[in-house]
Protein backbone atom coordinates (compact mmCIF):
# COMPACT_ATOMS: atom_id res chain seq x y z
CA MET A 1 42.79 15.88 3.91
CA PRO A 2 44.97 13.07 5.38
CA LEU A 3 44.61 9.62 3.83
CA ILE A 4 42.92 8.12 6.92
CA GLN A 5 40.33 10.91 7.03
CA ARG A 6 39.64 10.49 3.33
CA SER A 7 39.21 6.73 3.83
CA VAL A 8 36.81 7.24 6.73
CA ALA A 9 34.81 9.81 4.74
CA LEU A 10 34.63 7.42 1.79
CA MET A 11 33.43 4.58 4.01
CA ASP A 12 30.79 6.82 5.57
CA SER A 13 29.64 7.86 2.12
CA LEU A 14 29.45 4.26 0.93
CA THR A 15 27.52 3.23 4.03
CA GLN A 16 25.05 6.07 3.52
CA ASN A 17 24.64 5.16 -0.14
CA GLN A 18 24.01 1.53 0.80
CA LYS A 19 21.34 2.57 3.29
CA GLN A 20 19.67 4.71 0.65
CA ALA A 21 19.91 1.91 -1.91
CA LYS A 22 18.16 -0.51 0.43
CA LYS A 23 15.11 1.72 0.81
CA ARG A 24 11.95 0.28 -0.65
CA ASN A 25 9.99 2.55 -2.96
CA VAL A 26 6.41 3.04 -1.75
CA ALA A 27 4.19 4.53 -4.46
CA ILE A 28 0.82 5.80 -3.28
CA PHE A 29 -1.64 6.27 -6.12
CA ILE A 30 -3.86 9.30 -5.64
CA HIS A 31 -6.74 10.51 -7.77
CA ASN A 32 -9.60 12.98 -7.73
CA GLY A 33 -11.97 11.97 -4.96
CA VAL A 34 -9.44 9.83 -3.10
CA GLU A 35 -10.37 9.33 0.56
CA ILE A 36 -8.04 11.36 2.79
CA LEU A 37 -7.30 8.77 5.45
CA ASP A 38 -7.09 5.98 2.86
CA PHE A 39 -3.82 7.40 1.58
CA ALA A 40 -2.73 9.53 4.54
CA GLY A 41 -2.82 6.57 6.97
CA PRO A 42 -0.44 4.30 5.01
CA SER A 43 1.64 7.38 4.09
CA GLU A 44 2.18 8.12 7.77
CA VAL A 45 3.11 4.52 8.54
CA PHE A 46 5.69 4.13 5.78
CA ALA A 47 7.11 7.65 6.10
CA SER A 48 7.55 7.14 9.86
CA THR A 49 9.47 3.89 9.40
CA GLU A 50 13.11 3.77 8.37
CA GLY A 51 13.84 2.07 5.09
CA PHE A 52 10.98 3.35 2.92
CA ASN A 53 11.02 6.01 0.22
CA VAL A 54 7.43 7.26 -0.01
CA TYR A 55 5.97 9.27 -2.88
CA THR A 56 2.66 9.97 -4.61
CA VAL A 57 1.77 9.09 -8.19
CA SER A 58 -1.25 9.91 -10.29
CA LEU A 59 -2.37 9.70 -13.90
CA THR A 60 -0.64 13.02 -14.53
CA LYS A 61 1.19 15.60 -12.43
CA GLU A 62 -1.85 17.87 -12.39
CA PRO A 63 -3.17 18.59 -8.86
CA ILE A 64 -5.94 16.33 -7.62
CA ILE A 65 -8.67 17.10 -5.09
CA SER A 66 -9.22 14.80 -2.11
CA GLN A 67 -12.76 14.70 -0.75
CA GLY A 68 -13.63 17.98 -2.34
CA PHE A 69 -11.36 20.35 -0.42
CA ILE A 70 -7.71 19.25 -0.24
CA LYS A 71 -5.55 19.97 -3.28
CA ILE A 72 -2.53 17.69 -3.71
CA THR A 73 0.13 17.85 -6.40
CA PRO A 74 1.40 14.33 -7.23
CA THR A 75 5.14 13.81 -7.19
CA TYR A 76 5.06 11.61 -10.29
CA SER A 77 2.80 10.61 -13.14
CA LEU A 78 2.40 7.06 -14.44
CA ALA A 79 4.86 7.98 -17.19
CA ASP A 80 7.82 8.85 -14.96
CA CYS A 81 7.07 7.02 -11.68
CA PRO A 82 10.08 5.17 -10.21
CA LYS A 83 9.56 1.42 -10.02
CA PRO A 84 7.52 0.71 -6.87
CA ASP A 85 8.47 -2.06 -4.48
CA ILE A 86 5.17 -1.42 -2.72
CA LEU A 87 2.11 0.03 -4.43
CA VAL A 88 -0.69 1.45 -2.28
CA LEU A 89 -4.11 1.83 -3.94
CA PRO A 90 -6.41 3.94 -1.73
CA GLY A 91 -10.15 4.15 -2.22
CA GLY A 92 -12.72 6.88 -2.46
CA GLN A 93 -14.28 7.73 -5.78
CA THR A 94 -12.53 4.96 -7.66
CA GLY A 95 -15.33 4.23 -10.15
CA PRO A 96 -14.00 6.28 -13.08
CA PHE A 97 -10.47 4.96 -12.58
CA ILE A 98 -11.45 1.28 -12.65
CA GLU A 99 -12.27 1.82 -16.34
CA ASN A 100 -9.01 3.66 -17.07
CA LYS A 101 -7.10 1.23 -19.30
CA PRO A 102 -3.63 2.85 -19.01
CA LEU A 103 -3.93 2.82 -15.21
CA ILE A 104 -5.03 -0.82 -15.05
CA GLU A 105 -2.21 -1.80 -17.40
CA TRP A 106 0.27 0.09 -15.22
CA ILE A 107 -1.03 -1.74 -12.13
CA LYS A 108 -0.59 -5.08 -13.90
CA ASN A 109 2.96 -4.20 -14.94
CA THR A 110 3.80 -2.99 -11.44
CA ALA A 111 2.49 -6.23 -9.92
CA ALA A 112 4.88 -8.23 -12.10
CA GLN A 113 7.84 -6.86 -10.09
CA ALA A 114 6.52 -5.36 -6.83
CA GLU A 115 6.88 -7.02 -3.43
CA VAL A 116 3.52 -5.82 -2.15
CA MET A 117 0.29 -4.59 -3.72
CA LEU A 118 -1.77 -3.01 -0.93
CA SER A 119 -5.33 -1.76 -1.42
CA VAL A 120 -7.38 0.27 1.02
CA CYS A 121 -11.17 0.52 0.96
CA THR A 122 -12.58 0.59 -2.60
CA GLY A 123 -9.04 0.57 -3.98
CA ALA A 124 -9.57 -3.20 -4.07
CA GLY A 125 -11.65 -2.57 -7.19
CA LEU A 126 -8.49 -1.53 -9.03
CA LEU A 127 -6.77 -4.79 -8.05
CA ALA A 128 -9.84 -6.72 -9.16
CA LYS A 129 -9.94 -5.00 -12.54
CA ALA A 130 -6.28 -5.90 -13.02
CA GLY A 131 -7.14 -9.56 -12.33
CA LEU A 132 -5.09 -9.64 -9.14
CA LEU A 133 -7.90 -10.85 -6.85
CA ASP A 134 -8.95 -13.86 -8.94
CA GLY A 135 -8.72 -17.05 -6.90
CA LYS A 136 -8.03 -15.09 -3.71
CA GLN A 137 -9.81 -13.98 -0.58
CA ALA A 138 -10.03 -10.23 -0.11
CA THR A 139 -11.79 -7.50 1.80
CA THR A 140 -12.86 -3.92 1.23
CA PHE A 141 -15.07 -1.12 2.57
CA HIS A 142 -18.23 -2.58 4.12
CA SER A 143 -20.66 -1.03 1.62
CA TYR A 144 -18.49 -2.15 -1.33
CA ILE A 145 -18.32 -5.83 -0.41
CA GLU A 146 -21.34 -6.95 -2.45
CA PRO A 147 -20.55 -4.84 -5.55
CA LEU A 148 -16.96 -6.07 -5.53
CA GLN A 149 -18.09 -9.67 -5.15
CA ARG A 150 -20.41 -9.30 -8.14
CA ALA A 151 -17.62 -7.73 -10.18
CA THR A 152 -15.09 -10.38 -9.09
CA PRO A 153 -16.85 -13.78 -9.07
CA LYS A 154 -13.52 -15.64 -8.99
CA ALA A 155 -12.63 -14.06 -5.63
CA GLU A 156 -14.15 -14.41 -2.16
CA ILE A 157 -14.81 -10.97 -0.67
CA LEU A 158 -14.98 -11.13 3.12
CA ALA A 159 -16.92 -8.94 5.52
CA ASN A 160 -15.87 -8.06 9.08
CA THR A 161 -12.20 -8.58 8.28
CA ARG A 162 -9.63 -5.85 8.94
CA PHE A 163 -7.20 -7.06 6.29
CA VAL A 164 -6.48 -10.12 4.15
CA ASP A 165 -2.89 -11.06 3.29
CA ASN A 166 -2.48 -13.31 0.25
CA GLY A 167 1.27 -12.89 0.09
CA GLN A 168 1.99 -10.20 -2.47
CA VAL A 169 -1.60 -8.93 -2.58
CA ILE A 170 -2.96 -7.43 0.64
CA THR A 171 -6.41 -5.84 0.90
CA THR A 172 -7.85 -3.90 3.81
CA ALA A 173 -11.27 -2.75 4.90
CA GLY A 174 -12.18 0.92 4.72
CA VAL A 175 -10.54 4.19 5.69
CA SER A 176 -8.66 3.67 9.00
CA ALA A 177 -8.00 0.01 8.17
CA GLY A 178 -5.30 1.19 5.78
CA ILE A 179 -3.18 2.01 8.82
CA ASP A 180 -3.51 -1.58 10.05
CA GLY A 181 -2.67 -2.92 6.60
CA ALA A 182 0.43 -0.75 6.30
CA LEU A 183 1.61 -1.70 9.80
CA HIS A 184 1.11 -5.34 8.83
CA VAL A 185 3.31 -4.80 5.76
CA VAL A 186 5.99 -3.19 7.93
CA ALA A 187 5.85 -6.14 10.35
CA LYS A 188 6.03 -8.56 7.46
CA LEU A 189 9.05 -6.91 5.83
CA LYS A 190 10.97 -5.48 8.80
CA GLY A 191 9.73 -7.38 11.85
CA GLN A 192 7.11 -6.98 14.55
CA ALA A 193 9.32 -4.81 16.76
CA VAL A 194 9.76 -2.19 14.05
CA ALA A 195 6.01 -2.11 13.32
CA THR A 196 5.24 -1.79 17.03
CA GLN A 197 7.68 1.11 17.30
CA THR A 198 5.95 2.86 14.39
CA ALA A 199 2.50 2.31 15.91
CA ARG A 200 3.76 3.69 19.22
CA TYR A 201 5.22 6.76 17.50
CA MET A 202 1.85 7.35 15.81
CA GLU A 203 0.06 6.74 19.13
CA TYR A 204 -2.14 4.31 17.23
CA ASP A 205 -3.42 2.42 20.26
CA LYS A 206 -6.09 0.59 18.30
CA TRP A 207 -3.63 -1.61 16.39
CA LYS A 208 -3.84 -5.33 17.11
CA PRO A 209 -0.95 -7.07 15.30
CA GLU A 210 -2.77 -10.41 15.10
CA GLU A 211 -5.93 -8.90 13.65
CA GLY A 212 -6.81 -9.89 10.12
CA LEU A 213 -6.49 -12.96 7.99
CA ILE A 214 -3.29 -14.39 6.52
CA VAL A 215 -3.66 -16.95 3.76
CA LYS A 216 -1.04 -19.63 3.20
CA PRO A 217 0.07 -20.43 -0.37
CA SER A 218 -2.15 -23.51 -0.18
CA GLY A 219 -5.13 -21.25 0.30
CA LYS A 220 -5.60 -22.23 3.95
CA VAL A 221 -5.88 -19.60 6.66
CA ALA A 222 -2.64 -19.22 8.64
CA ALA A 223 -3.95 -16.74 11.18
CA GLU A 224 -7.29 -15.17 11.77
CA ASN A 225 -8.78 -12.87 14.33
CA LYS A 226 -11.73 -10.93 13.04
């Protein structure tokens, strides 16, 4: 191969490697009883947007069952999961996992380095157990608001709110609201135009970019449209 062709090939390879290196790791924690749309919605958003490397993680690599009839084999376990830049914690039957000490410790350790910790539905309970909602406003599935408030007295759990953005920690309401939360993360990290393009690809006509509540570092609301 002539020198010029080799140089061009090398540059192309370096460019491709740089693009791959810039991808953010999106780990989606799945567990027995996880709500289908809770994890599938954010999965679709991030997988449909350039710049994200999306994978599933669970306690082990053993298959899990979602809502009683869908068997899913996790890509990674907690032990070998690549470092997440974004961790998505879907809801569903989260009760047994809130008391799982290795999982909660892993969530705490992940939060120490991750850009975004995103919960959907009752997944907010995992953030709360890890102490990540203390002193913050948050939201969750409508029937879980009161139980979460009782379990997290240092937080303010809001009803009728599609998502709450506290900076690193972002919580959403139930089920389909995870799509809105993930699109908000895309807009936050890659710009509104990119998020709009993803929503259009998904034909998610319901999305309202301004919907939700964004909290400034001071604790004051920066934007709100419930």
